[in-house]
Protein backbone atom coordinates (compact mmCIF):
# COMPACT_ATOMS: atom_id res chain seq x y z
CA MET A 1 73.21 67.49 83.69
CA ASN A 2 73.82 70.84 85.77
CA ASP A 3 73.25 71.37 89.61
CA LYS A 4 70.17 72.95 89.40
CA GLU A 5 68.58 69.77 87.38
CA GLN A 6 70.25 67.44 89.66
CA ILE A 7 68.33 69.12 92.80
CA VAL A 8 65.17 69.05 91.11
CA GLN A 9 65.48 65.23 90.42
CA ALA A 10 66.87 64.71 94.22
CA ARG A 11 63.76 66.48 95.49
CA ILE A 12 61.58 64.65 93.23
CA ALA A 13 62.75 61.27 94.23
CA LYS A 14 62.74 62.54 97.95
CA LEU A 15 58.92 63.04 97.39
CA GLN A 16 58.22 60.07 95.96
CA GLN A 17 59.88 57.88 98.75
CA VAL A 18 57.60 59.86 100.80
CA GLN A 19 54.55 58.98 99.02
CA ALA A 20 55.54 55.75 98.88
CA ASP A 21 56.25 55.82 102.85
CA ARG A 22 52.77 57.30 103.29
CA LYS A 23 51.21 54.72 101.20
CA GLU A 24 52.92 51.66 103.16
CA ASP A 25 51.93 53.22 106.38
CA SER A 26 48.13 53.56 105.26
CA LEU A 27 48.29 49.84 104.07
CA GLN A 28 49.48 48.55 107.38
CA ARG A 29 46.85 50.68 109.43
CA VAL A 30 44.14 49.39 107.08
CA TYR A 31 45.34 45.64 107.12
CA LYS A 32 45.57 45.65 111.37
CA ALA A 33 41.90 47.68 111.24
CA ILE A 34 40.37 44.66 109.36
CA GLU A 35 41.94 42.42 111.40
CA ARG A 36 40.94 44.19 114.74
CA LEU A 37 37.24 43.75 112.98
CA GLN A 38 37.65 40.44 112.17
CA LYS A 39 38.45 39.59 115.87
CA ILE A 40 35.67 41.51 117.55
CA ASP A 41 33.28 39.73 114.83
CA ALA A 42 32.53 43.38 113.77
CA LYS A 43 31.16 44.18 109.96
CA VAL A 44 33.91 44.94 107.40
CA ASN A 45 33.38 47.42 104.72
CA PHE A 46 34.61 50.73 103.45
CA THR A 47 33.16 52.84 105.86
CA THR A 48 34.04 50.40 109.08
CA VAL A 49 37.67 49.85 107.78
CA ALA A 50 38.00 53.91 107.08
CA LYS A 51 36.85 55.09 110.68
CA GLU A 52 38.76 51.98 112.67
CA ALA A 53 41.79 53.01 110.49
CA ASN A 54 41.61 56.54 110.60
CA LEU A 55 41.35 57.18 106.93
CA SER A 56 38.97 58.83 104.64
CA VAL A 57 36.75 56.36 102.44
CA SER A 58 37.97 57.80 99.12
CA TYR A 59 41.38 56.99 100.16
CA LEU A 60 40.35 53.49 100.53
CA TYR A 61 38.90 53.62 97.16
CA LYS A 62 42.24 54.97 95.89
CA TYR A 63 44.45 51.78 95.93
CA PRO A 64 43.06 48.63 94.14
CA GLU A 65 44.98 45.84 96.48
CA VAL A 66 42.73 47.78 99.65
CA LYS A 67 39.68 47.58 97.51
CA HIS A 68 40.16 44.04 96.82
CA ARG A 69 41.00 43.13 100.42
CA ILE A 70 37.97 44.71 102.06
CA ALA A 71 36.01 43.21 99.43
CA GLU A 72 37.19 39.92 100.00
CA VAL A 73 36.71 40.07 103.71
CA ARG A 74 33.42 41.07 102.95
CA ASN A 75 31.94 38.26 101.09
CA GLN A 76 33.19 36.02 103.04
CA GLN A 77 31.32 37.69 106.02
CA ARG A 78 28.24 37.40 103.97
CA SER A 79 28.82 33.63 103.36
CA PHE A 80 29.00 32.94 106.96
CA PRO A 81 26.69 33.84 109.72
CA THR A 82 28.15 36.64 111.77
CA ALA A 83 28.05 36.72 115.15
CA PRO A 84 26.12 39.82 116.74
CA VAL A 85 28.63 42.62 116.96
CA ALA A 86 29.84 43.23 120.37
CA GLN A 87 28.33 45.66 122.53
CA PRO A 88 30.15 48.92 124.00
CA ASN A 89 29.92 47.34 127.36
CA SER A 90 31.65 44.05 126.32
CA THR A 91 35.23 43.08 127.79
CA VAL A 92 36.98 43.91 124.41
CA GLY A 93 35.28 46.87 124.25
CA ALA A 94 35.93 48.25 127.48
CA LYS A 95 39.54 47.48 127.30
CA VAL A 96 39.82 49.01 123.92
CA VAL A 97 38.13 52.22 125.63
CA THR A 98 40.56 52.26 128.41
CA LYS A 99 43.64 51.70 125.92
CA LEU A 100 41.99 54.77 124.41
CA LYS A 101 41.90 56.74 127.45
CA GLU A 102 45.26 56.07 128.78
CA ARG A 103 46.60 57.18 125.25
CA ILE A 104 44.63 60.44 125.06
CA ALA A 105 46.02 61.03 128.89
CA GLN A 106 49.66 60.52 127.44
CA LEU A 107 49.05 62.43 124.65
CA ASP A 108 47.78 65.46 126.98
CA ARG A 109 50.94 65.24 129.45
CA GLU A 110 52.96 64.95 126.20
CA ASN A 111 51.72 68.00 124.52
CA GLN A 112 51.28 70.27 128.08
CA GLU A 113 55.07 69.47 128.65
CA LEU A 114 55.98 70.25 124.73
CA LYS A 115 54.13 73.87 125.84
CA ARG A 116 55.93 74.15 128.77
CA LYS A 117 59.06 74.01 126.62
CA ASN A 118 58.26 75.90 123.80
CA GLU A 119 57.72 78.45 126.69
CA ALA A 120 60.81 78.40 128.14
CA LEU A 121 62.65 78.48 124.51
CA ALA A 122 60.65 81.42 123.87
CA GLY A 123 61.91 83.05 126.83
CA GLN A 124 65.37 82.27 126.17
CA VAL A 125 64.97 83.42 122.34
CA TYR A 126 63.71 86.66 123.60
CA ARG A 127 66.68 87.39 125.99
CA VAL A 128 69.15 86.06 123.37
CA HIS A 129 67.61 89.06 121.10
CA TYR A 130 67.73 91.05 124.15
CA LEU A 131 71.60 90.66 124.84
CA GLN A 132 72.21 90.94 121.01
CA GLU A 133 70.79 94.28 120.93
CA GLN A 134 72.87 94.98 124.18
CA VAL A 135 76.26 94.03 122.49
CA GLU A 136 75.38 95.76 119.32
CA ARG A 137 74.98 98.97 121.57
CA GLN A 138 78.21 98.47 123.52
CA GLN A 139 80.07 98.01 120.22
CA GLN A 140 78.75 101.15 118.67
CA LEU A 141 79.66 102.95 121.92
CA ILE A 142 83.32 101.72 121.94
CA ALA A 143 83.49 102.86 118.12
CA ASP A 144 82.32 106.10 119.15
CA LEU A 145 84.71 106.10 122.06
CA GLN A 146 87.65 104.98 119.69
CA ALA A 147 86.79 107.80 117.66
CA ALA A 148 86.78 110.86 119.98
CA LEU A 149 90.11 109.24 121.35
CA LYS A 150 91.55 109.38 117.99
CA ASP A 151 90.65 112.85 117.45
CA GLN A 152 91.64 114.03 120.89
CA GLN A 153 95.17 112.19 120.20
CA LEU A 154 95.58 114.21 116.80
CA ALA A 155 94.22 117.35 118.30
CA SER A 156 97.01 116.89 121.01
CA LYS A 157 99.82 116.67 118.27
CA VAL A 158 98.61 119.55 116.39
CA THR A 159 99.93 123.00 117.64
CA PRO A 160 98.12 125.66 116.90
CA ILE A 161 99.47 128.16 114.24
CA SER A 162 99.72 131.01 116.46
CA THR A 163 101.90 129.36 119.11
CA LYS A 164 104.02 128.31 116.31
CA ARG A 165 104.21 131.93 115.16
CA LYS A 166 104.87 133.16 118.93
CA ALA A 167 107.73 130.62 119.09
CA VAL A 168 109.67 131.54 116.17
CA VAL A 169 110.45 135.47 117.30
CA ASP A 170 111.45 137.05 120.75
CA ASP A 171 108.75 137.35 123.19
CA ARG A 172 109.39 141.00 123.66
CA ILE A 173 108.93 141.29 119.60
CA GLN A 174 106.09 139.68 119.70
CA ALA A 175 104.40 141.63 122.38
CA GLU A 176 105.37 144.81 120.39
CA LEU A 177 103.98 143.29 117.53
CA ASP A 178 100.74 142.01 118.99
CA SER A 179 100.29 146.02 120.61
CA LEU A 180 100.70 147.27 116.93
CA GLY A 181 98.16 144.59 115.39
CA VAL A 182 101.05 143.45 112.97
CA GLU A 183 100.23 139.53 112.00
CA LEU A 184 103.29 137.90 111.35
CA ASN A 185 103.71 136.29 107.99
CA PRO A 186 106.55 133.89 106.63
CA THR A 187 108.35 136.86 104.87
CA LEU A 188 108.08 139.23 108.19
CA ILE A 189 109.40 135.95 110.16
CA LYS A 190 112.68 135.68 108.15
CA THR A 191 113.56 139.55 108.12
CA ILE A 192 113.07 139.51 111.60
CA LYS A 193 115.43 136.27 112.01
CA SER A 194 118.04 137.72 109.42
CA ALA A 195 118.35 141.42 111.70
CA THR A 196 119.20 141.48 115.37
CA GLU A 197 116.85 142.33 118.00
CA ALA A 198 117.90 146.04 118.26
CA THR A 199 117.69 146.85 114.72
CA VAL A 200 114.15 145.19 114.66
CA LEU A 201 113.11 147.23 117.85
CA ASP A 202 114.11 150.18 116.28
CA ALA A 203 112.02 149.65 113.12
CA ILE A 204 109.04 149.04 115.57
CA GLU A 205 109.80 152.49 117.24
CA ALA A 206 109.79 153.88 113.76
CA LEU A 207 106.51 152.13 112.86
CA LYS A 208 105.09 153.32 116.12
CA GLU A 209 106.36 157.07 115.22
CA GLN A 210 104.37 156.83 111.64
CA LEU A 211 101.18 155.50 113.04
CA GLY A 212 101.02 158.30 115.42
CA LYS A 213 101.23 160.69 112.75
CA LYS A 214 99.59 158.76 110.06
CA ASP A 215 97.56 155.45 108.82
CA ILE A 216 99.88 153.25 107.17
CA PRO A 217 97.61 150.54 105.30
CA ASN A 218 99.76 147.79 105.46
CA PRO A 219 102.05 148.16 108.52
CA GLY A 220 103.36 144.34 108.49
CA GLY A 221 105.24 145.23 105.09
CA TRP A 222 106.25 148.68 106.23
CA LEU A 223 107.79 147.17 109.23
CA ASN A 224 109.56 144.55 106.90
CA GLN A 225 111.31 147.36 104.56
CA ALA A 226 112.02 149.41 107.79
CA ILE A 227 113.67 146.29 109.33
CA LYS A 228 115.78 145.34 105.81
CA GLU A 229 117.26 149.28 105.53
CA GLY A 230 117.51 149.74 109.05
CA TRP A 231 115.20 152.57 109.74
CA THR A 232 115.26 154.04 113.23
CA LYS A 233 112.58 156.36 114.96
CA PRO A 234 113.78 160.07 114.39
CA GLU A 235 115.76 161.73 117.18
CA PRO A 236 114.24 164.93 118.79
CA VAL A 237 115.67 168.37 117.32
CA PRO A 238 118.29 169.72 119.90
CA GLN A 239 117.22 173.29 120.99
CA VAL A 240 119.46 175.73 119.40
CA PRO A 241 120.44 178.60 122.09
CA GLN A 242 120.18 182.04 121.60
CA PRO A 243 123.71 184.21 120.86
CA SER A 244 124.73 186.43 123.68
CA SER A 245 125.51 189.73 123.05
CA LYS A 246 128.55 189.50 124.97
CA PRO A 247 129.86 185.79 123.71
CA ALA A 248 132.32 184.04 126.04
CA HIS A 249 135.75 183.33 124.71
CA GLN A 250 136.77 179.68 124.98
CA VAL A 251 139.64 178.63 123.66
CA VAL A 252 139.26 174.68 122.18
CA THR A 253 142.18 172.58 121.78
CA ALA A 254 142.50 169.90 119.09
CA LYS A 255 141.78 167.42 121.84
CA GLU A 256 138.54 169.08 123.53
CA ARG A 257 137.03 169.09 120.20
CA PRO A 258 134.36 166.80 119.47
CA ALA A 259 134.46 164.05 117.19
CA LYS A 260 132.36 164.60 114.02
CA GLU A 261 129.57 162.19 113.36
CA LEU A 262 129.08 161.61 110.04
CA LEU A 263 125.43 161.41 109.18
CA SER A 264 123.55 159.39 107.00
CA ILE A 265 121.36 160.57 103.93
CA ASP A 266 118.26 159.39 105.70
CA LYS A 267 118.75 161.13 108.78
CA LEU A 268 119.85 164.25 107.13
CA GLN A 269 116.47 164.36 105.11
CA GLN A 270 114.66 163.78 108.36
CA LEU A 271 116.62 166.71 110.03
CA SER A 272 115.98 168.87 106.85
CA ASN A 273 111.98 167.87 106.92
CA ILE A 274 111.97 168.87 110.46
CA PHE A 275 113.77 172.21 110.32
CA ASN A 276 111.26 172.96 107.26
CA GLN A 277 108.26 171.76 109.37
CA LYS A 278 109.49 174.20 112.00
CA HIS A 279 109.63 177.61 110.06
CA GLU A 280 106.57 176.62 108.45
């Protein structure tokens, strides 16, 4: 037998016990009703017993022992002369009525007390539900505040990308790049770090010069190449003095001769371009 069958059997047994208890209680009520009717010399039949025991007549016919007992008492009353039925104003009747009134009053007081307790319990239940709603709202508010605090803590730990980029180069270089609209990238940052500040600033000046002449699609790439190759801003062309009709003779000794400065191929090319532009 599984658990389900055991539960069913237990319920059946409980119902049978309840029915047996009810039957026993009804039988006791019937027997007591018969005794009360006999004491006041009232007629004993199914109607009077049912009324006295507060049961239905059909219920009395349900049990053979009850039928037999009522029939037995009824037959005894028929074989003996019966005394007149007590009137309601008799002493016994008055006592019964008094007891019934007292019982009714007691039940009414109990009923009123139960109503008062029921109203008090209903108010407590409402208050419990109200407090439970408040607790749930506070819990949700705490959860929202904790989530917001967590987001704020994460935001405080994250450094903006722009700040990181500005921190990796010199402030002066960063200011020049911002004025030209050149954005830093990992390649350009690496190139700037590998060069001296003077080299980077020279390359930036060269970029300014080129931007003043023409549009450069990729200023960042141009600057990166300029830093790597050491490009600088072209120097202004010196004014060539016109030869005088009577050149002054000047003796230049070996010590007074200026030291020769070797120019790079790029600078020679730049000077050549400048002279060509001037003649054109």
